[in-house]
N, C-alpha and C. Protein backbone atom coordinates (compact mmCIF):
# COMPACT_ATOMS: atom_id res chain seq x y z
N MET A 1 0.85 -1.20 0.00
CA MET A 1 0.00 0.00 0.00
C MET A 1 0.88 1.25 0.00
N ALA A 2 0.47 2.25 -0.78
CA ALA A 2 1.19 3.53 -0.82
C ALA A 2 0.27 4.63 -0.32
N ARG A 3 0.75 5.42 0.62
CA ARG A 3 -0.02 6.56 1.11
C ARG A 3 0.33 7.76 0.24
N ALA A 4 -0.68 8.33 -0.43
CA ALA A 4 -0.45 9.37 -1.42
C ALA A 4 -1.11 10.68 -1.02
N LEU A 5 -0.40 11.78 -1.28
CA LEU A 5 -1.01 13.11 -1.25
C LEU A 5 -1.39 13.42 -2.69
N VAL A 6 -2.69 13.62 -2.92
CA VAL A 6 -3.21 13.84 -4.27
C VAL A 6 -3.78 15.25 -4.34
N VAL A 7 -3.38 16.02 -5.35
CA VAL A 7 -3.77 17.42 -5.44
C VAL A 7 -4.27 17.72 -6.85
N ALA A 8 -5.12 18.75 -6.95
CA ALA A 8 -5.62 19.18 -8.26
C ALA A 8 -6.32 20.52 -8.14
N ASP A 9 -6.14 21.37 -9.12
CA ASP A 9 -6.98 22.54 -9.42
C ASP A 9 -6.96 23.68 -8.41
N GLU A 10 -7.01 23.39 -7.13
CA GLU A 10 -7.07 24.43 -6.11
C GLU A 10 -5.91 24.28 -5.12
N VAL A 11 -5.13 25.34 -4.96
CA VAL A 11 -4.01 25.32 -4.01
C VAL A 11 -4.56 25.20 -2.59
N ASP A 12 -4.02 24.26 -1.83
CA ASP A 12 -4.34 24.13 -0.41
C ASP A 12 -3.34 24.99 0.35
N HIS A 13 -3.76 26.18 0.76
CA HIS A 13 -2.84 27.12 1.38
C HIS A 13 -2.33 26.63 2.73
N ALA A 14 -3.05 25.70 3.35
CA ALA A 14 -2.55 25.13 4.60
C ALA A 14 -1.28 24.33 4.37
N LEU A 15 -1.13 23.75 3.17
CA LEU A 15 0.11 23.02 2.87
C LEU A 15 1.28 23.97 2.72
N TRP A 16 1.04 25.16 2.15
CA TRP A 16 2.12 26.15 2.04
C TRP A 16 2.69 26.48 3.42
N SER A 17 1.81 26.64 4.41
CA SER A 17 2.25 27.09 5.72
C SER A 17 2.76 25.95 6.59
N ASP A 18 2.24 24.73 6.38
CA ASP A 18 2.64 23.61 7.24
C ASP A 18 2.45 22.30 6.49
N VAL A 19 3.38 22.01 5.57
CA VAL A 19 3.25 20.79 4.78
C VAL A 19 3.43 19.55 5.64
N GLY A 20 4.08 19.72 6.81
CA GLY A 20 4.28 18.58 7.69
C GLY A 20 2.99 18.00 8.24
N ARG A 21 1.90 18.76 8.12
CA ARG A 21 0.62 18.29 8.64
C ARG A 21 0.14 17.02 7.93
N VAL A 22 0.65 16.77 6.72
CA VAL A 22 0.19 15.57 6.01
C VAL A 22 0.83 14.30 6.57
N GLY A 23 1.90 14.45 7.36
CA GLY A 23 2.59 13.29 7.88
C GLY A 23 3.43 12.61 6.80
N SER A 24 3.67 11.34 7.00
CA SER A 24 4.51 10.58 6.07
C SER A 24 3.68 10.11 4.88
N VAL A 25 4.16 10.39 3.69
CA VAL A 25 3.53 9.89 2.47
C VAL A 25 4.58 9.22 1.60
N ASP A 26 4.12 8.35 0.72
CA ASP A 26 5.01 7.61 -0.18
C ASP A 26 5.00 8.16 -1.60
N LEU A 27 4.02 9.01 -1.91
CA LEU A 27 3.79 9.36 -3.30
C LEU A 27 3.03 10.68 -3.38
N LEU A 28 3.35 11.48 -4.40
CA LEU A 28 2.59 12.68 -4.74
C LEU A 28 1.95 12.48 -6.11
N LEU A 29 0.67 12.83 -6.23
CA LEU A 29 -0.03 12.79 -7.50
C LEU A 29 -0.71 14.13 -7.74
N SER A 30 -0.65 14.62 -8.97
CA SER A 30 -1.37 15.84 -9.34
C SER A 30 -2.22 15.57 -10.57
N ALA A 31 -3.51 15.94 -10.48
CA ALA A 31 -4.43 15.79 -11.61
C ALA A 31 -4.55 17.08 -12.42
N GLY A 32 -3.62 18.03 -12.23
CA GLY A 32 -3.52 19.16 -13.14
C GLY A 32 -4.07 20.47 -12.63
N ASP A 33 -3.76 21.53 -13.40
CA ASP A 33 -4.22 22.90 -13.17
C ASP A 33 -3.79 23.46 -11.82
N LEU A 34 -2.51 23.26 -11.50
CA LEU A 34 -1.93 23.85 -10.30
C LEU A 34 -0.66 24.59 -10.67
N PRO A 35 -0.32 25.67 -9.95
CA PRO A 35 0.93 26.39 -10.23
C PRO A 35 2.13 25.46 -10.08
N PHE A 36 3.05 25.56 -11.03
CA PHE A 36 4.20 24.66 -10.98
C PHE A 36 5.09 24.94 -9.77
N ASP A 37 5.14 26.19 -9.29
CA ASP A 37 5.96 26.44 -8.11
C ASP A 37 5.37 25.76 -6.87
N TYR A 38 4.06 25.64 -6.83
CA TYR A 38 3.39 24.90 -5.74
C TYR A 38 3.77 23.42 -5.80
N LEU A 39 3.73 22.83 -6.99
CA LEU A 39 4.10 21.42 -7.14
C LEU A 39 5.56 21.19 -6.79
N GLU A 40 6.43 22.13 -7.18
CA GLU A 40 7.85 22.00 -6.85
C GLU A 40 8.08 22.13 -5.35
N PHE A 41 7.34 23.01 -4.70
CA PHE A 41 7.42 23.13 -3.25
C PHE A 41 7.05 21.81 -2.59
N LEU A 42 5.98 21.17 -3.05
CA LEU A 42 5.54 19.92 -2.43
C LEU A 42 6.58 18.81 -2.61
N VAL A 43 7.12 18.67 -3.81
CA VAL A 43 8.07 17.59 -4.04
C VAL A 43 9.38 17.84 -3.29
N ASP A 44 9.79 19.11 -3.17
CA ASP A 44 11.00 19.42 -2.40
C ASP A 44 10.79 19.14 -0.91
N ALA A 45 9.61 19.47 -0.41
CA ALA A 45 9.35 19.31 1.02
C ALA A 45 9.16 17.86 1.42
N LEU A 46 8.51 17.07 0.56
CA LEU A 46 8.15 15.70 0.93
C LEU A 46 9.15 14.65 0.43
N GLU A 47 9.92 15.00 -0.59
CA GLU A 47 11.00 14.13 -1.11
C GLU A 47 10.50 12.72 -1.40
N VAL A 48 9.42 12.62 -2.17
CA VAL A 48 8.88 11.33 -2.59
C VAL A 48 8.64 11.39 -4.10
N PRO A 49 8.46 10.24 -4.76
CA PRO A 49 8.14 10.27 -6.19
C PRO A 49 6.87 11.07 -6.45
N ALA A 50 6.84 11.75 -7.60
CA ALA A 50 5.72 12.64 -7.93
C ALA A 50 5.32 12.42 -9.38
N VAL A 51 4.03 12.21 -9.60
CA VAL A 51 3.50 11.91 -10.93
C VAL A 51 2.33 12.86 -11.21
N MET A 52 2.27 13.40 -12.42
CA MET A 52 1.25 14.38 -12.76
C MET A 52 0.65 14.11 -14.14
N VAL A 53 -0.50 14.73 -14.39
CA VAL A 53 -1.00 14.94 -15.75
C VAL A 53 -1.36 16.42 -15.86
N PRO A 54 -1.27 17.00 -17.06
CA PRO A 54 -1.60 18.41 -17.21
C PRO A 54 -3.10 18.65 -17.26
N GLY A 55 -3.52 19.81 -16.75
CA GLY A 55 -4.90 20.23 -16.87
C GLY A 55 -5.10 21.14 -18.07
N ASN A 56 -6.33 21.55 -18.29
CA ASN A 56 -6.63 22.38 -19.45
C ASN A 56 -6.07 23.79 -19.34
N HIS A 57 -5.66 24.22 -18.15
CA HIS A 57 -5.05 25.54 -18.00
C HIS A 57 -3.52 25.48 -17.94
N ASP A 58 -2.96 24.27 -18.01
CA ASP A 58 -1.50 24.14 -17.98
C ASP A 58 -0.90 24.35 -19.36
N ARG A 59 0.40 24.64 -19.38
CA ARG A 59 1.10 24.78 -20.66
C ARG A 59 1.24 23.41 -21.32
N GLU A 60 1.59 23.41 -22.59
CA GLU A 60 1.75 22.18 -23.35
C GLU A 60 3.03 21.47 -22.91
N LEU A 61 2.90 20.18 -22.56
CA LEU A 61 4.04 19.43 -22.01
C LEU A 61 4.37 18.19 -22.83
N GLY A 62 3.72 18.00 -23.96
CA GLY A 62 3.90 16.77 -24.72
C GLY A 62 5.19 16.73 -25.51
N GLY A 63 5.61 15.51 -25.84
CA GLY A 63 6.74 15.31 -26.73
C GLY A 63 8.09 15.25 -26.08
N TYR A 64 8.16 15.38 -24.75
CA TYR A 64 9.45 15.36 -24.06
C TYR A 64 9.73 13.95 -23.54
N THR A 65 10.96 13.50 -23.72
CA THR A 65 11.40 12.22 -23.17
C THR A 65 12.75 12.42 -22.49
N LEU A 66 13.09 11.47 -21.62
CA LEU A 66 14.41 11.48 -21.00
C LEU A 66 15.33 10.54 -21.75
N HIS A 67 16.51 11.02 -22.13
CA HIS A 67 17.50 10.21 -22.82
C HIS A 67 18.86 10.49 -22.20
N ALA A 68 19.43 9.45 -21.59
CA ALA A 68 20.73 9.58 -20.92
C ALA A 68 20.71 10.72 -19.91
N GLY A 69 19.57 10.86 -19.22
CA GLY A 69 19.45 11.86 -18.18
C GLY A 69 19.12 13.25 -18.67
N LEU A 70 18.99 13.42 -20.00
CA LEU A 70 18.66 14.73 -20.56
C LEU A 70 17.23 14.75 -21.06
N SER A 71 16.57 15.90 -20.95
CA SER A 71 15.24 16.09 -21.51
C SER A 71 15.40 16.36 -23.00
N VAL A 72 14.68 15.57 -23.81
CA VAL A 72 14.83 15.63 -25.27
C VAL A 72 13.45 15.82 -25.89
N ARG A 73 13.37 16.67 -26.92
CA ARG A 73 12.15 16.83 -27.69
C ARG A 73 12.51 16.91 -29.16
N ALA A 74 11.86 16.08 -29.99
CA ALA A 74 12.12 16.02 -31.43
C ALA A 74 13.60 15.75 -31.72
N GLY A 75 14.22 14.95 -30.83
CA GLY A 75 15.61 14.55 -31.04
C GLY A 75 16.65 15.53 -30.55
N PHE A 76 16.21 16.66 -30.00
CA PHE A 76 17.16 17.69 -29.56
C PHE A 76 16.99 17.96 -28.06
N PRO A 77 18.10 18.19 -27.35
CA PRO A 77 17.98 18.54 -25.93
C PRO A 77 17.15 19.80 -25.75
N GLU A 78 16.21 19.75 -24.88
CA GLU A 78 15.36 20.90 -24.60
C GLU A 78 14.87 20.81 -23.17
N ARG A 79 14.91 21.91 -22.47
CA ARG A 79 14.54 21.92 -21.06
C ARG A 79 13.09 21.53 -20.89
N TRP A 80 12.83 20.60 -19.96
CA TRP A 80 11.47 20.20 -19.60
C TRP A 80 10.75 21.42 -19.02
N PRO A 81 9.62 21.84 -19.60
CA PRO A 81 8.94 23.05 -19.13
C PRO A 81 7.98 22.81 -17.98
N GLY A 82 7.85 21.56 -17.56
CA GLY A 82 6.94 21.25 -16.46
C GLY A 82 7.59 21.43 -15.11
N PRO A 83 6.89 21.08 -14.05
CA PRO A 83 7.43 21.27 -12.70
C PRO A 83 8.59 20.33 -12.41
N ARG A 84 9.66 20.90 -11.87
CA ARG A 84 10.84 20.12 -11.53
C ARG A 84 10.48 19.00 -10.55
N GLY A 85 11.01 17.81 -10.82
CA GLY A 85 10.84 16.68 -9.92
C GLY A 85 9.60 15.85 -10.16
N TRP A 86 8.79 16.25 -11.16
CA TRP A 86 7.54 15.54 -11.45
C TRP A 86 7.65 14.79 -12.77
N ALA A 87 7.10 13.57 -12.80
CA ALA A 87 7.02 12.78 -14.02
C ALA A 87 5.66 13.00 -14.67
N ASN A 88 5.65 13.21 -15.98
CA ASN A 88 4.41 13.43 -16.71
C ASN A 88 3.87 12.09 -17.20
N ALA A 89 2.70 11.69 -16.72
CA ALA A 89 2.10 10.41 -17.10
C ALA A 89 1.08 10.55 -18.23
N ASP A 90 0.99 11.70 -18.86
CA ASP A 90 -0.02 11.90 -19.91
C ASP A 90 0.21 10.93 -21.07
N THR A 91 -0.75 10.06 -21.34
CA THR A 91 -0.71 8.99 -22.35
C THR A 91 0.42 7.99 -22.09
N ARG A 92 0.89 7.90 -20.86
CA ARG A 92 1.96 6.98 -20.50
C ARG A 92 1.60 6.23 -19.22
N VAL A 93 2.44 5.24 -18.91
CA VAL A 93 2.35 4.55 -17.62
C VAL A 93 3.66 4.80 -16.88
N VAL A 94 3.56 5.27 -15.65
CA VAL A 94 4.71 5.54 -14.79
C VAL A 94 4.61 4.62 -13.58
N THR A 95 5.70 3.98 -13.24
CA THR A 95 5.74 3.15 -12.03
C THR A 95 6.37 3.96 -10.91
N ALA A 96 5.65 4.10 -9.80
CA ALA A 96 6.13 4.88 -8.66
C ALA A 96 5.52 4.31 -7.39
N ALA A 97 6.33 4.22 -6.34
CA ALA A 97 5.87 3.71 -5.04
C ALA A 97 5.20 2.34 -5.18
N GLY A 98 5.70 1.54 -6.11
CA GLY A 98 5.18 0.19 -6.29
C GLY A 98 3.87 0.12 -7.05
N LEU A 99 3.41 1.23 -7.64
CA LEU A 99 2.15 1.27 -8.36
C LEU A 99 2.37 1.61 -9.83
N ARG A 100 1.56 0.99 -10.68
CA ARG A 100 1.52 1.37 -12.10
C ARG A 100 0.43 2.43 -12.27
N ILE A 101 0.87 3.62 -12.70
CA ILE A 101 -0.02 4.78 -12.79
C ILE A 101 -0.12 5.19 -14.26
N ALA A 102 -1.32 5.08 -14.81
CA ALA A 102 -1.58 5.51 -16.18
C ALA A 102 -2.22 6.89 -16.15
N GLY A 103 -1.91 7.72 -17.14
CA GLY A 103 -2.41 9.09 -17.12
C GLY A 103 -3.04 9.54 -18.42
N LEU A 104 -4.00 10.43 -18.29
CA LEU A 104 -4.61 11.08 -19.46
C LEU A 104 -5.03 12.49 -19.04
N GLY A 105 -4.31 13.48 -19.55
CA GLY A 105 -4.55 14.85 -19.13
C GLY A 105 -5.54 15.59 -20.00
N GLY A 106 -5.80 16.84 -19.64
CA GLY A 106 -6.60 17.74 -20.45
C GLY A 106 -8.09 17.60 -20.27
N SER A 107 -8.81 18.44 -21.01
CA SER A 107 -10.26 18.49 -20.92
C SER A 107 -10.87 18.50 -22.31
N VAL A 108 -12.20 18.46 -22.35
CA VAL A 108 -12.92 18.62 -23.60
C VAL A 108 -12.61 20.00 -24.19
N ARG A 109 -12.48 20.06 -25.52
CA ARG A 109 -12.15 21.32 -26.18
C ARG A 109 -13.32 22.30 -26.07
N TYR A 110 -12.99 23.51 -25.59
CA TYR A 110 -14.02 24.54 -25.52
C TYR A 110 -13.48 25.93 -25.86
N SER A 111 -12.14 26.11 -25.83
CA SER A 111 -11.60 27.43 -26.15
C SER A 111 -10.28 27.36 -26.91
N GLY A 112 -9.83 26.18 -27.28
CA GLY A 112 -8.63 26.07 -28.10
C GLY A 112 -7.32 26.04 -27.34
N GLY A 113 -7.35 25.75 -26.04
CA GLY A 113 -6.12 25.67 -25.27
C GLY A 113 -5.28 24.46 -25.65
N PRO A 114 -4.01 24.40 -25.21
CA PRO A 114 -3.10 23.33 -25.64
C PRO A 114 -3.45 21.95 -25.09
N ASN A 115 -4.18 21.88 -24.01
CA ASN A 115 -4.54 20.58 -23.43
C ASN A 115 -6.06 20.38 -23.47
N GLN A 116 -6.66 20.79 -24.59
CA GLN A 116 -8.09 20.60 -24.80
C GLN A 116 -8.29 19.74 -26.05
N TRP A 117 -9.22 18.78 -25.95
CA TRP A 117 -9.36 17.78 -27.00
C TRP A 117 -10.84 17.56 -27.32
N THR A 118 -11.14 17.33 -28.59
CA THR A 118 -12.47 16.85 -28.93
C THR A 118 -12.62 15.43 -28.40
N GLN A 119 -13.84 14.93 -28.37
CA GLN A 119 -14.05 13.55 -27.94
C GLN A 119 -13.28 12.58 -28.84
N GLN A 120 -13.22 12.87 -30.13
CA GLN A 120 -12.51 11.99 -31.07
C GLN A 120 -11.00 12.03 -30.82
N GLN A 121 -10.46 13.22 -30.60
CA GLN A 121 -9.03 13.32 -30.29
C GLN A 121 -8.70 12.61 -28.99
N ALA A 122 -9.54 12.79 -27.98
CA ALA A 122 -9.31 12.12 -26.70
C ALA A 122 -9.35 10.61 -26.88
N ALA A 123 -10.24 10.10 -27.71
CA ALA A 123 -10.32 8.66 -27.94
C ALA A 123 -9.03 8.13 -28.56
N ARG A 124 -8.44 8.89 -29.49
CA ARG A 124 -7.17 8.46 -30.08
C ARG A 124 -6.06 8.45 -29.03
N ARG A 125 -6.04 9.46 -28.18
CA ARG A 125 -5.03 9.51 -27.12
C ARG A 125 -5.24 8.36 -26.13
N ALA A 126 -6.49 8.03 -25.86
CA ALA A 126 -6.78 6.93 -24.94
C ALA A 126 -6.31 5.61 -25.52
N ARG A 127 -6.50 5.40 -26.81
CA ARG A 127 -6.03 4.16 -27.43
C ARG A 127 -4.51 4.06 -27.36
N ARG A 128 -3.83 5.20 -27.53
CA ARG A 128 -2.37 5.21 -27.39
C ARG A 128 -1.96 4.80 -25.97
N LEU A 129 -2.66 5.32 -24.99
CA LEU A 129 -2.36 4.96 -23.60
C LEU A 129 -2.56 3.47 -23.36
N VAL A 130 -3.65 2.92 -23.84
CA VAL A 130 -3.93 1.50 -23.63
C VAL A 130 -2.86 0.64 -24.30
N ARG A 131 -2.42 1.03 -25.50
CA ARG A 131 -1.34 0.27 -26.16
C ARG A 131 -0.06 0.33 -25.35
N ARG A 132 0.26 1.49 -24.85
CA ARG A 132 1.50 1.63 -24.08
C ARG A 132 1.44 0.91 -22.74
N ALA A 133 0.24 0.80 -22.17
CA ALA A 133 0.11 0.16 -20.86
C ALA A 133 0.43 -1.32 -20.92
N ARG A 134 0.05 -1.99 -22.01
CA ARG A 134 0.32 -3.42 -22.18
C ARG A 134 -0.18 -4.24 -21.01
N GLY A 135 -1.33 -3.88 -20.50
CA GLY A 135 -1.90 -4.64 -19.40
C GLY A 135 -2.48 -3.74 -18.34
N PRO A 136 -3.05 -4.31 -17.30
CA PRO A 136 -3.75 -3.54 -16.27
C PRO A 136 -2.82 -2.61 -15.49
N VAL A 137 -3.44 -1.62 -14.85
CA VAL A 137 -2.72 -0.66 -14.01
C VAL A 137 -3.41 -0.57 -12.66
N ASP A 138 -2.76 0.10 -11.73
CA ASP A 138 -3.31 0.28 -10.38
C ASP A 138 -4.12 1.56 -10.26
N VAL A 139 -3.62 2.64 -10.89
CA VAL A 139 -4.26 3.95 -10.78
C VAL A 139 -4.37 4.56 -12.17
N LEU A 140 -5.53 5.13 -12.47
CA LEU A 140 -5.71 5.94 -13.67
C LEU A 140 -5.86 7.39 -13.21
N LEU A 141 -4.87 8.21 -13.56
CA LEU A 141 -4.81 9.61 -13.14
C LEU A 141 -5.22 10.48 -14.33
N THR A 142 -6.32 11.22 -14.19
CA THR A 142 -6.82 12.03 -15.30
C THR A 142 -7.14 13.43 -14.80
N HIS A 143 -7.19 14.38 -15.74
CA HIS A 143 -7.67 15.71 -15.34
C HIS A 143 -9.19 15.73 -15.32
N SER A 144 -9.80 15.21 -16.37
CA SER A 144 -11.26 15.21 -16.48
C SER A 144 -11.83 13.86 -16.07
N PRO A 145 -13.08 13.84 -15.62
CA PRO A 145 -13.72 12.57 -15.27
C PRO A 145 -14.28 11.88 -16.52
N PRO A 146 -14.74 10.64 -16.37
CA PRO A 146 -15.48 10.02 -17.46
C PRO A 146 -16.80 10.77 -17.68
N ARG A 147 -17.26 10.78 -18.90
CA ARG A 147 -18.52 11.47 -19.19
C ARG A 147 -19.67 10.80 -18.45
N GLY A 148 -20.47 11.63 -17.77
CA GLY A 148 -21.61 11.12 -17.03
C GLY A 148 -21.28 10.58 -15.65
N VAL A 149 -20.02 10.69 -15.23
CA VAL A 149 -19.60 10.15 -13.93
C VAL A 149 -18.94 11.28 -13.15
N GLY A 150 -19.77 12.13 -12.54
CA GLY A 150 -19.24 13.23 -11.75
C GLY A 150 -18.79 14.42 -12.56
N ASP A 151 -19.19 14.49 -13.84
CA ASP A 151 -18.79 15.65 -14.64
C ASP A 151 -19.85 16.74 -14.54
N GLY A 152 -19.71 17.82 -15.33
CA GLY A 152 -20.63 18.94 -15.26
C GLY A 152 -21.59 18.97 -16.43
N ASP A 153 -22.57 19.84 -16.33
CA ASP A 153 -23.58 19.98 -17.38
C ASP A 153 -23.13 20.93 -18.50
N ASP A 154 -22.26 21.89 -18.17
CA ASP A 154 -21.83 22.85 -19.18
C ASP A 154 -20.74 22.24 -20.06
N ASP A 155 -20.58 22.79 -21.27
CA ASP A 155 -19.65 22.20 -22.24
C ASP A 155 -18.22 22.07 -21.72
N PRO A 156 -17.63 23.11 -21.06
CA PRO A 156 -16.23 22.97 -20.63
C PRO A 156 -16.00 21.87 -19.60
N HIS A 157 -17.04 21.45 -18.90
CA HIS A 157 -16.84 20.49 -17.81
C HIS A 157 -17.46 19.13 -18.08
N GLN A 158 -17.78 18.86 -19.34
CA GLN A 158 -18.19 17.50 -19.69
C GLN A 158 -16.98 16.58 -19.62
N GLY A 159 -17.22 15.34 -19.23
CA GLY A 159 -16.15 14.36 -19.17
C GLY A 159 -15.88 13.71 -20.51
N PHE A 160 -14.90 12.82 -20.53
CA PHE A 160 -14.52 12.12 -21.75
C PHE A 160 -15.23 10.78 -21.86
N ASP A 161 -15.85 10.53 -23.01
CA ASP A 161 -16.49 9.23 -23.27
C ASP A 161 -15.47 8.10 -23.21
N CYS A 162 -14.27 8.34 -23.73
CA CYS A 162 -13.28 7.27 -23.88
C CYS A 162 -12.81 6.69 -22.56
N LEU A 163 -12.98 7.43 -21.47
CA LEU A 163 -12.47 6.91 -20.19
C LEU A 163 -13.23 5.68 -19.73
N HIS A 164 -14.46 5.50 -20.17
CA HIS A 164 -15.19 4.28 -19.83
C HIS A 164 -14.46 3.06 -20.39
N ASP A 165 -14.01 3.17 -21.64
CA ASP A 165 -13.29 2.05 -22.26
C ASP A 165 -11.92 1.86 -21.64
N VAL A 166 -11.25 2.96 -21.29
CA VAL A 166 -9.93 2.84 -20.64
C VAL A 166 -10.06 2.10 -19.31
N VAL A 167 -11.08 2.43 -18.54
CA VAL A 167 -11.30 1.75 -17.26
C VAL A 167 -11.57 0.26 -17.50
N ARG A 168 -12.37 -0.04 -18.50
CA ARG A 168 -12.69 -1.45 -18.78
C ARG A 168 -11.44 -2.23 -19.18
N ARG A 169 -10.56 -1.59 -19.94
CA ARG A 169 -9.38 -2.29 -20.45
C ARG A 169 -8.24 -2.35 -19.42
N LEU A 170 -8.03 -1.28 -18.68
CA LEU A 170 -6.88 -1.22 -17.77
C LEU A 170 -7.22 -1.63 -16.35
N ARG A 171 -8.49 -1.67 -15.99
CA ARG A 171 -8.97 -2.20 -14.71
C ARG A 171 -8.26 -1.60 -13.49
N PRO A 172 -8.15 -0.29 -13.41
CA PRO A 172 -7.51 0.31 -12.22
C PRO A 172 -8.39 0.17 -10.99
N ARG A 173 -7.77 0.13 -9.83
CA ARG A 173 -8.55 0.18 -8.60
C ARG A 173 -9.12 1.59 -8.40
N TRP A 174 -8.35 2.62 -8.83
CA TRP A 174 -8.74 4.01 -8.64
C TRP A 174 -8.68 4.77 -9.95
N LEU A 175 -9.64 5.64 -10.19
CA LEU A 175 -9.54 6.72 -11.17
C LEU A 175 -9.63 8.02 -10.39
N LEU A 176 -8.56 8.80 -10.42
CA LEU A 176 -8.47 10.06 -9.68
C LEU A 176 -8.47 11.21 -10.68
N HIS A 177 -9.39 12.17 -10.52
CA HIS A 177 -9.51 13.26 -11.48
C HIS A 177 -9.72 14.59 -10.76
N GLY A 178 -9.50 15.67 -11.51
CA GLY A 178 -9.78 17.02 -11.04
C GLY A 178 -10.84 17.66 -11.90
N HIS A 179 -10.64 18.95 -12.24
CA HIS A 179 -11.41 19.70 -13.22
C HIS A 179 -12.80 20.13 -12.74
N ILE A 180 -13.47 19.33 -11.94
CA ILE A 180 -14.82 19.65 -11.50
C ILE A 180 -14.73 20.21 -10.08
N HIS A 181 -14.88 21.52 -9.96
CA HIS A 181 -14.72 22.18 -8.66
C HIS A 181 -15.98 21.97 -7.82
N PRO A 182 -15.84 21.48 -6.60
CA PRO A 182 -17.02 21.21 -5.77
C PRO A 182 -17.60 22.45 -5.10
N TYR A 183 -16.83 23.54 -5.00
CA TYR A 183 -17.30 24.79 -4.39
C TYR A 183 -17.92 24.55 -3.01
N GLY A 184 -17.19 23.81 -2.20
CA GLY A 184 -17.61 23.57 -0.83
C GLY A 184 -18.59 22.45 -0.63
N GLN A 185 -19.08 21.85 -1.69
CA GLN A 185 -20.02 20.76 -1.57
C GLN A 185 -19.28 19.43 -1.39
N ARG A 186 -19.90 18.52 -0.67
CA ARG A 186 -19.32 17.19 -0.52
C ARG A 186 -19.48 16.43 -1.83
N VAL A 187 -18.43 15.77 -2.25
CA VAL A 187 -18.45 15.02 -3.51
C VAL A 187 -18.37 13.53 -3.20
N GLU A 188 -19.35 12.79 -3.65
CA GLU A 188 -19.37 11.36 -3.43
C GLU A 188 -18.49 10.65 -4.47
N ASP A 189 -17.88 9.54 -4.06
CA ASP A 189 -17.20 8.69 -5.02
C ASP A 189 -18.21 8.03 -5.95
N HIS A 190 -17.75 7.65 -7.13
CA HIS A 190 -18.55 6.86 -8.06
C HIS A 190 -17.84 5.54 -8.30
N ILE A 191 -18.57 4.58 -8.77
CA ILE A 191 -18.01 3.25 -9.05
C ILE A 191 -18.26 2.90 -10.51
N LEU A 192 -17.18 2.52 -11.22
CA LEU A 192 -17.27 1.98 -12.57
C LEU A 192 -16.70 0.57 -12.53
N GLY A 193 -17.56 -0.43 -12.59
CA GLY A 193 -17.08 -1.80 -12.45
C GLY A 193 -16.46 -2.00 -11.09
N THR A 194 -15.15 -2.27 -11.07
CA THR A 194 -14.43 -2.43 -9.80
C THR A 194 -13.56 -1.21 -9.50
N THR A 195 -13.74 -0.12 -10.25
CA THR A 195 -12.90 1.08 -10.12
C THR A 195 -13.64 2.15 -9.33
N THR A 196 -12.97 2.70 -8.31
CA THR A 196 -13.50 3.84 -7.58
C THR A 196 -13.06 5.12 -8.27
N VAL A 197 -14.02 5.98 -8.60
CA VAL A 197 -13.76 7.26 -9.26
C VAL A 197 -13.88 8.37 -8.21
N ARG A 198 -12.79 9.11 -8.00
CA ARG A 198 -12.79 10.14 -6.97
C ARG A 198 -12.35 11.49 -7.52
N ASN A 199 -13.11 12.52 -7.19
CA ASN A 199 -12.75 13.90 -7.49
C ASN A 199 -11.73 14.35 -6.44
N VAL A 200 -10.53 14.76 -6.89
CA VAL A 200 -9.45 15.09 -5.95
C VAL A 200 -9.09 16.57 -5.97
N VAL A 201 -10.02 17.42 -6.40
CA VAL A 201 -9.77 18.87 -6.37
C VAL A 201 -9.43 19.29 -4.94
N GLY A 202 -8.40 20.12 -4.81
CA GLY A 202 -7.89 20.50 -3.50
C GLY A 202 -6.75 19.57 -3.12
N SER A 203 -6.81 18.99 -1.93
CA SER A 203 -5.79 18.02 -1.51
C SER A 203 -6.46 16.89 -0.75
N HIS A 204 -5.97 15.69 -0.99
CA HIS A 204 -6.53 14.48 -0.39
C HIS A 204 -5.40 13.54 -0.02
N ILE A 205 -5.56 12.86 1.10
CA ILE A 205 -4.67 11.76 1.46
C ILE A 205 -5.42 10.46 1.16
N ILE A 206 -4.83 9.61 0.33
CA ILE A 206 -5.49 8.38 -0.08
C ILE A 206 -4.50 7.23 0.07
N ASP A 207 -4.95 6.15 0.70
CA ASP A 207 -4.16 4.93 0.77
C ASP A 207 -4.46 4.11 -0.48
N LEU A 208 -3.47 3.98 -1.34
CA LEU A 208 -3.64 3.34 -2.64
C LEU A 208 -3.10 1.91 -2.58
N GLU A 209 -3.98 0.96 -2.60
CA GLU A 209 -3.57 -0.44 -2.64
C GLU A 209 -3.42 -0.87 -4.09
N PRO A 210 -2.44 -1.72 -4.39
CA PRO A 210 -2.36 -2.26 -5.75
C PRO A 210 -3.65 -3.01 -6.09
N ALA A 211 -4.06 -2.94 -7.34
CA ALA A 211 -5.23 -3.68 -7.76
C ALA A 211 -4.98 -5.18 -7.67
N GLU A 212 -6.05 -5.95 -7.60
CA GLU A 212 -5.92 -7.39 -7.41
C GLU A 212 -5.17 -8.06 -8.55
N HIS A 213 -5.17 -7.43 -9.73
CA HIS A 213 -4.51 -8.04 -10.88
C HIS A 213 -3.03 -7.72 -10.94
N SER A 214 -2.48 -7.01 -9.94
CA SER A 214 -1.07 -6.60 -10.04
C SER A 214 -0.13 -7.78 -10.20
N ALA A 215 -0.51 -8.91 -9.63
CA ALA A 215 0.34 -10.09 -9.76
C ALA A 215 0.43 -10.57 -11.22
N GLU A 216 -0.52 -10.13 -12.07
CA GLU A 216 -0.50 -10.54 -13.47
C GLU A 216 0.57 -9.78 -14.24
N ILE A 217 1.05 -8.67 -13.70
CA ILE A 217 1.94 -7.77 -14.43
C ILE A 217 3.38 -8.19 -14.17
N SER A 218 4.09 -8.52 -15.21
CA SER A 218 5.49 -8.94 -15.04
C SER A 218 6.40 -7.71 -15.08
C-alpha cells in the first residue's frame, strides 16, 4: 500500500504554511491545473516520487522524453517546461511507489487551449495509452472525469467518453480526477465496475492499494 497526497486545481494554502501536517507519504499525484511552483514546493518538502498529468489551463508538455538523463524533444535537448521533480504520465504509464499509474490529461475542447481535445481526439489519445500500458494498471490519473460520472452539465466540464473504455481495459482500482470544482459541496465517489472514481480537487490523502490483478503484471 502507498499513502499518497493527491492534489488538483485548487491550491491548499494550509500546505504552504505547514506541509508537515500531512505526515509521512510515499507518493505525490497531481491531476492538473496547479501552479508549478506549488508542485515544486511539495516535491521538495516531501521528497517522494511525484506523478502528474496536465490540466486544461496548464502549458503544453507533450513530446518530451528522458535520454541519458537529458530532456529531449524532437531529437534535440530541450529543457522540460513542467514542474521540476515531477514525471508526466499523460498517455503513458509511470511506475512509482510500487504502483503502475496511467495518465490522461486535459479536458474537452471549448476554447482552443493546448490541453483541450475533442471527444474523437481524446479517444485516439486513450487508445495510445492502452497500447503503451500493455496490461492492467493500479491507478488511472486524469484531469477530467469520465462522461456522465461526476462531470458537469456545461460544455467545458463535460467528461470524456473514452475513459469508460480505458477503465474497462486497464482495470484500475482508482480513477483520480480534477477539473470539477465542488465549491464547498461534498463530492461522493462513483463506481465503474471495480474502479472507484474520486474527485481530488484540493488536496486528499489516499491509501492506494495495488489492484488485485497486479500479480499478473510482469
